[in-house]
Amino acid sequence: MKLVLQPNEMILMAGNSQLCQPTRQVNGKLIVTNQRIYFRTLEEEHRGCDREIVPHEISDLIYFNTRWMLPFGLTIITKNGTEHQFIVRNRGEWAKLITKMY
């Protein structure tokens, strides 16, 4: 997985993640830079699941619990109503960083 950064873009936080979709969960990396949020899949056949979210598109951030009430879920809702659900460790740290962006 190679991520091409924009000029003056720096990675602030990156880690393993899963993108939750209605029929599956896709493994990948969630990457927050000073300009945007990326989700990049680890497997070539799931490239259609890659996401790029710019801060001005974000309308809300919501927590959700995964199986057995584990506190790992983070939903990013964009202004057009699209929900991007991710499973991450330390969702509080991710949420603080993302909230500062928008």
N, C-alpha and C. Protein backbone atom coordinates (compact mmCIF):
# COMPACT_ATOMS: atom_id res chain seq x y z
N MET A 1 0.84 -1.17 0.00
CA MET A 1 0.00 0.00 0.00
C MET A 1 0.89 1.24 0.00
N LYS A 2 0.68 2.08 -0.98
CA LYS A 2 1.46 3.31 -1.04
C LYS A 2 0.48 4.47 -1.07
N LEU A 3 0.73 5.45 -0.25
CA LEU A 3 -0.11 6.63 -0.16
C LEU A 3 0.68 7.82 -0.67
N VAL A 4 0.13 8.50 -1.65
CA VAL A 4 0.78 9.68 -2.21
C VAL A 4 0.23 10.90 -1.47
N LEU A 5 1.10 11.59 -0.76
CA LEU A 5 0.70 12.76 0.01
C LEU A 5 0.73 14.01 -0.85
N GLN A 6 -0.16 14.95 -0.52
CA GLN A 6 -0.21 16.24 -1.18
C GLN A 6 0.94 17.12 -0.66
N PRO A 7 1.25 18.21 -1.34
CA PRO A 7 2.28 19.12 -0.83
C PRO A 7 1.94 19.60 0.59
N ASN A 8 2.90 19.63 1.46
CA ASN A 8 2.77 20.05 2.86
C ASN A 8 1.85 19.16 3.69
N GLU A 9 1.55 17.97 3.23
CA GLU A 9 0.70 17.05 3.98
C GLU A 9 1.57 16.15 4.85
N MET A 10 1.19 16.01 6.12
CA MET A 10 1.95 15.18 7.07
C MET A 10 1.00 14.19 7.73
N ILE A 11 1.47 12.97 7.94
CA ILE A 11 0.68 11.96 8.64
C ILE A 11 0.73 12.27 10.13
N LEU A 12 -0.46 12.39 10.74
CA LEU A 12 -0.57 12.66 12.17
C LEU A 12 -0.82 11.38 12.97
N MET A 13 -1.55 10.44 12.37
CA MET A 13 -1.87 9.20 13.06
C MET A 13 -2.22 8.14 12.01
N ALA A 14 -1.78 6.92 12.23
CA ALA A 14 -2.09 5.82 11.32
C ALA A 14 -2.16 4.53 12.12
N GLY A 15 -3.03 3.65 11.70
CA GLY A 15 -3.14 2.38 12.39
C GLY A 15 -4.05 1.41 11.66
N ASN A 16 -4.02 0.16 12.11
CA ASN A 16 -4.87 -0.87 11.53
C ASN A 16 -6.33 -0.54 11.80
N SER A 17 -7.16 -0.89 10.85
CA SER A 17 -8.58 -0.58 10.95
C SER A 17 -9.36 -1.56 10.10
N GLN A 18 -10.67 -1.55 10.31
CA GLN A 18 -11.57 -2.29 9.44
C GLN A 18 -12.69 -1.34 9.03
N LEU A 19 -13.03 -1.37 7.76
CA LEU A 19 -14.16 -0.62 7.25
C LEU A 19 -15.36 -1.55 7.30
N CYS A 20 -16.41 -1.13 7.98
CA CYS A 20 -17.62 -1.95 8.11
C CYS A 20 -18.57 -1.63 6.98
N GLN A 21 -18.95 -2.65 6.25
CA GLN A 21 -19.94 -2.53 5.19
C GLN A 21 -21.07 -3.51 5.50
N PRO A 22 -22.23 -3.34 4.88
CA PRO A 22 -23.36 -4.22 5.21
C PRO A 22 -23.07 -5.71 5.03
N THR A 23 -22.25 -6.06 4.06
CA THR A 23 -22.01 -7.48 3.79
C THR A 23 -20.66 -8.00 4.25
N ARG A 24 -19.76 -7.11 4.67
CA ARG A 24 -18.41 -7.56 5.04
C ARG A 24 -17.67 -6.47 5.82
N GLN A 25 -16.53 -6.88 6.37
CA GLN A 25 -15.59 -5.94 6.98
C GLN A 25 -14.29 -6.07 6.21
N VAL A 26 -13.75 -4.92 5.80
CA VAL A 26 -12.55 -4.90 4.97
C VAL A 26 -11.38 -4.41 5.81
N ASN A 27 -10.31 -5.20 5.87
CA ASN A 27 -9.11 -4.82 6.61
C ASN A 27 -8.32 -3.77 5.85
N GLY A 28 -7.75 -2.83 6.61
CA GLY A 28 -6.94 -1.80 5.98
C GLY A 28 -6.26 -0.93 7.00
N LYS A 29 -5.83 0.22 6.55
CA LYS A 29 -5.17 1.22 7.40
C LYS A 29 -5.99 2.50 7.39
N LEU A 30 -6.22 3.05 8.56
CA LEU A 30 -6.84 4.36 8.67
C LEU A 30 -5.71 5.35 8.92
N ILE A 31 -5.69 6.40 8.12
CA ILE A 31 -4.59 7.38 8.16
C ILE A 31 -5.18 8.77 8.26
N VAL A 32 -4.77 9.51 9.28
CA VAL A 32 -5.20 10.90 9.42
C VAL A 32 -3.99 11.79 9.17
N THR A 33 -4.16 12.70 8.23
CA THR A 33 -3.10 13.67 7.95
C THR A 33 -3.59 15.05 8.38
N ASN A 34 -2.78 16.05 8.20
CA ASN A 34 -3.20 17.40 8.53
C ASN A 34 -4.16 17.97 7.49
N GLN A 35 -4.45 17.21 6.42
CA GLN A 35 -5.35 17.69 5.37
C GLN A 35 -6.56 16.80 5.10
N ARG A 36 -6.52 15.54 5.48
CA ARG A 36 -7.62 14.62 5.16
C ARG A 36 -7.51 13.32 5.92
N ILE A 37 -8.53 12.48 5.75
CA ILE A 37 -8.57 11.15 6.36
C ILE A 37 -8.60 10.14 5.21
N TYR A 38 -7.76 9.14 5.31
CA TYR A 38 -7.70 8.10 4.30
C TYR A 38 -8.02 6.76 4.93
N PHE A 39 -8.68 5.89 4.18
CA PHE A 39 -8.74 4.47 4.52
C PHE A 39 -8.23 3.75 3.29
N ARG A 40 -7.20 2.94 3.46
CA ARG A 40 -6.62 2.18 2.36
C ARG A 40 -6.68 0.70 2.71
N THR A 41 -7.24 -0.09 1.80
CA THR A 41 -7.35 -1.52 2.03
C THR A 41 -5.99 -2.19 1.86
N LEU A 42 -5.86 -3.34 2.47
CA LEU A 42 -4.61 -4.08 2.39
C LEU A 42 -4.59 -5.03 1.20
N GLU A 43 -5.78 -5.34 0.67
CA GLU A 43 -5.86 -6.32 -0.41
C GLU A 43 -6.29 -5.66 -1.72
N GLU A 44 -5.63 -6.03 -2.78
CA GLU A 44 -5.87 -5.41 -4.08
C GLU A 44 -7.32 -5.59 -4.55
N GLU A 45 -7.93 -6.72 -4.26
CA GLU A 45 -9.29 -6.96 -4.75
C GLU A 45 -10.36 -6.09 -4.06
N HIS A 46 -9.98 -5.41 -2.98
CA HIS A 46 -10.91 -4.53 -2.27
C HIS A 46 -10.60 -3.04 -2.49
N ARG A 47 -9.86 -2.69 -3.53
CA ARG A 47 -9.48 -1.29 -3.77
C ARG A 47 -10.69 -0.37 -3.90
N GLY A 48 -11.83 -0.91 -4.30
CA GLY A 48 -13.04 -0.11 -4.40
C GLY A 48 -13.55 0.38 -3.05
N CYS A 49 -13.00 -0.17 -1.96
CA CYS A 49 -13.40 0.23 -0.61
C CYS A 49 -12.53 1.36 -0.06
N ASP A 50 -11.50 1.77 -0.79
CA ASP A 50 -10.66 2.87 -0.32
C ASP A 50 -11.50 4.13 -0.14
N ARG A 51 -11.17 4.92 0.87
CA ARG A 51 -11.92 6.13 1.17
C ARG A 51 -10.97 7.30 1.35
N GLU A 52 -11.45 8.48 1.00
CA GLU A 52 -10.74 9.73 1.27
C GLU A 52 -11.79 10.74 1.72
N ILE A 53 -11.62 11.28 2.91
CA ILE A 53 -12.59 12.22 3.47
C ILE A 53 -11.84 13.50 3.83
N VAL A 54 -12.31 14.61 3.30
CA VAL A 54 -11.70 15.90 3.65
C VAL A 54 -12.51 16.52 4.79
N PRO A 55 -11.86 17.27 5.67
CA PRO A 55 -12.52 17.78 6.88
C PRO A 55 -13.79 18.58 6.64
N HIS A 56 -13.84 19.40 5.60
CA HIS A 56 -15.04 20.21 5.40
C HIS A 56 -16.26 19.38 5.00
N GLU A 57 -16.07 18.09 4.65
CA GLU A 57 -17.18 17.20 4.33
C GLU A 57 -17.79 16.55 5.57
N ILE A 58 -17.10 16.58 6.71
CA ILE A 58 -17.55 15.89 7.92
C ILE A 58 -18.64 16.69 8.63
N SER A 59 -19.72 16.00 8.97
CA SER A 59 -20.78 16.67 9.73
C SER A 59 -20.85 16.16 11.16
N ASP A 60 -20.47 14.89 11.39
CA ASP A 60 -20.58 14.34 12.74
C ASP A 60 -19.66 13.14 12.91
N LEU A 61 -19.37 12.84 14.16
CA LEU A 61 -18.56 11.70 14.55
C LEU A 61 -19.32 10.98 15.65
N ILE A 62 -19.56 9.69 15.48
CA ILE A 62 -20.37 8.93 16.45
C ILE A 62 -19.64 7.65 16.81
N TYR A 63 -19.67 7.31 18.10
CA TYR A 63 -19.12 6.04 18.57
C TYR A 63 -20.18 4.95 18.42
N PHE A 64 -19.72 3.72 18.21
CA PHE A 64 -20.60 2.56 18.32
C PHE A 64 -19.78 1.41 18.89
N ASN A 65 -20.46 0.46 19.47
CA ASN A 65 -19.78 -0.70 20.05
C ASN A 65 -19.85 -1.87 19.08
N THR A 66 -18.79 -2.65 19.06
CA THR A 66 -18.73 -3.82 18.20
C THR A 66 -19.22 -5.02 19.00
N ARG A 67 -18.97 -6.19 18.49
CA ARG A 67 -19.42 -7.42 19.15
C ARG A 67 -19.14 -7.40 20.65
N TRP A 68 -20.05 -7.94 21.38
CA TRP A 68 -19.91 -8.08 22.83
C TRP A 68 -19.65 -6.75 23.52
N MET A 69 -20.15 -5.69 22.91
CA MET A 69 -20.07 -4.36 23.53
C MET A 69 -18.65 -3.82 23.65
N LEU A 70 -17.79 -4.16 22.72
CA LEU A 70 -16.43 -3.65 22.73
C LEU A 70 -16.40 -2.23 22.16
N PRO A 71 -15.73 -1.31 22.82
CA PRO A 71 -15.74 0.10 22.40
C PRO A 71 -14.71 0.44 21.32
N PHE A 72 -14.90 -0.12 20.13
CA PHE A 72 -13.93 0.09 19.06
C PHE A 72 -14.51 0.78 17.83
N GLY A 73 -15.81 1.04 17.79
CA GLY A 73 -16.44 1.56 16.58
C GLY A 73 -16.44 3.08 16.51
N LEU A 74 -16.17 3.60 15.32
CA LEU A 74 -16.16 5.04 15.07
C LEU A 74 -16.83 5.28 13.72
N THR A 75 -17.90 6.08 13.71
CA THR A 75 -18.61 6.40 12.48
C THR A 75 -18.35 7.86 12.12
N ILE A 76 -17.91 8.09 10.90
CA ILE A 76 -17.75 9.44 10.37
C ILE A 76 -18.91 9.68 9.41
N ILE A 77 -19.70 10.69 9.70
CA ILE A 77 -20.84 11.02 8.85
C ILE A 77 -20.49 12.28 8.06
N THR A 78 -20.67 12.20 6.76
CA THR A 78 -20.37 13.36 5.91
C THR A 78 -21.63 14.19 5.69
N LYS A 79 -21.46 15.39 5.19
CA LYS A 79 -22.58 16.31 5.00
C LYS A 79 -23.60 15.81 3.98
N ASN A 80 -23.18 14.91 3.10
CA ASN A 80 -24.14 14.35 2.14
C ASN A 80 -24.87 13.13 2.70
N GLY A 81 -24.63 12.82 3.99
CA GLY A 81 -25.34 11.73 4.66
C GLY A 81 -24.67 10.37 4.62
N THR A 82 -23.52 10.27 3.97
CA THR A 82 -22.81 9.01 3.90
C THR A 82 -22.17 8.69 5.25
N GLU A 83 -22.32 7.44 5.68
CA GLU A 83 -21.71 6.99 6.93
C GLU A 83 -20.54 6.06 6.61
N HIS A 84 -19.39 6.36 7.20
CA HIS A 84 -18.20 5.53 7.07
C HIS A 84 -17.92 4.95 8.45
N GLN A 85 -18.13 3.64 8.61
CA GLN A 85 -17.93 3.00 9.91
C GLN A 85 -16.60 2.28 9.93
N PHE A 86 -15.81 2.58 10.96
CA PHE A 86 -14.50 1.98 11.12
C PHE A 86 -14.40 1.32 12.49
N ILE A 87 -13.64 0.26 12.54
CA ILE A 87 -13.29 -0.37 13.81
C ILE A 87 -11.81 -0.07 14.04
N VAL A 88 -11.52 0.61 15.15
CA VAL A 88 -10.15 1.03 15.47
C VAL A 88 -9.90 0.85 16.97
N ARG A 89 -8.68 0.68 17.32
CA ARG A 89 -8.28 0.71 18.73
C ARG A 89 -8.12 2.16 19.15
N ASN A 90 -8.34 2.47 20.40
CA ASN A 90 -8.19 3.83 20.93
C ASN A 90 -9.05 4.84 20.16
N ARG A 91 -10.32 4.52 19.99
CA ARG A 91 -11.19 5.39 19.19
C ARG A 91 -11.28 6.80 19.76
N GLY A 92 -11.08 6.97 21.07
CA GLY A 92 -11.10 8.30 21.67
C GLY A 92 -10.00 9.18 21.12
N GLU A 93 -8.81 8.62 20.96
CA GLU A 93 -7.69 9.38 20.39
C GLU A 93 -7.96 9.76 18.93
N TRP A 94 -8.50 8.81 18.17
CA TRP A 94 -8.85 9.08 16.78
C TRP A 94 -9.88 10.20 16.72
N ALA A 95 -10.92 10.11 17.58
CA ALA A 95 -12.01 11.08 17.56
C ALA A 95 -11.50 12.48 17.92
N LYS A 96 -10.61 12.59 18.91
CA LYS A 96 -10.06 13.90 19.27
C LYS A 96 -9.32 14.52 18.10
N LEU A 97 -8.53 13.74 17.44
CA LEU A 97 -7.75 14.23 16.31
C LEU A 97 -8.65 14.67 15.15
N ILE A 98 -9.63 13.84 14.83
CA ILE A 98 -10.54 14.14 13.72
C ILE A 98 -11.41 15.35 14.04
N THR A 99 -11.87 15.44 15.28
CA THR A 99 -12.74 16.55 15.68
C THR A 99 -12.02 17.90 15.54
N LYS A 100 -10.73 17.92 15.79
CA LYS A 100 -9.96 19.16 15.64
C LYS A 100 -9.88 19.62 14.19
N MET A 101 -10.13 18.70 13.25
CA MET A 101 -9.98 18.99 11.83
C MET A 101 -11.16 19.75 11.25
N TYR A 102 -12.36 19.53 11.80
CA TYR A 102 -13.54 20.16 11.17
C TYR A 102 -14.23 21.15 12.06
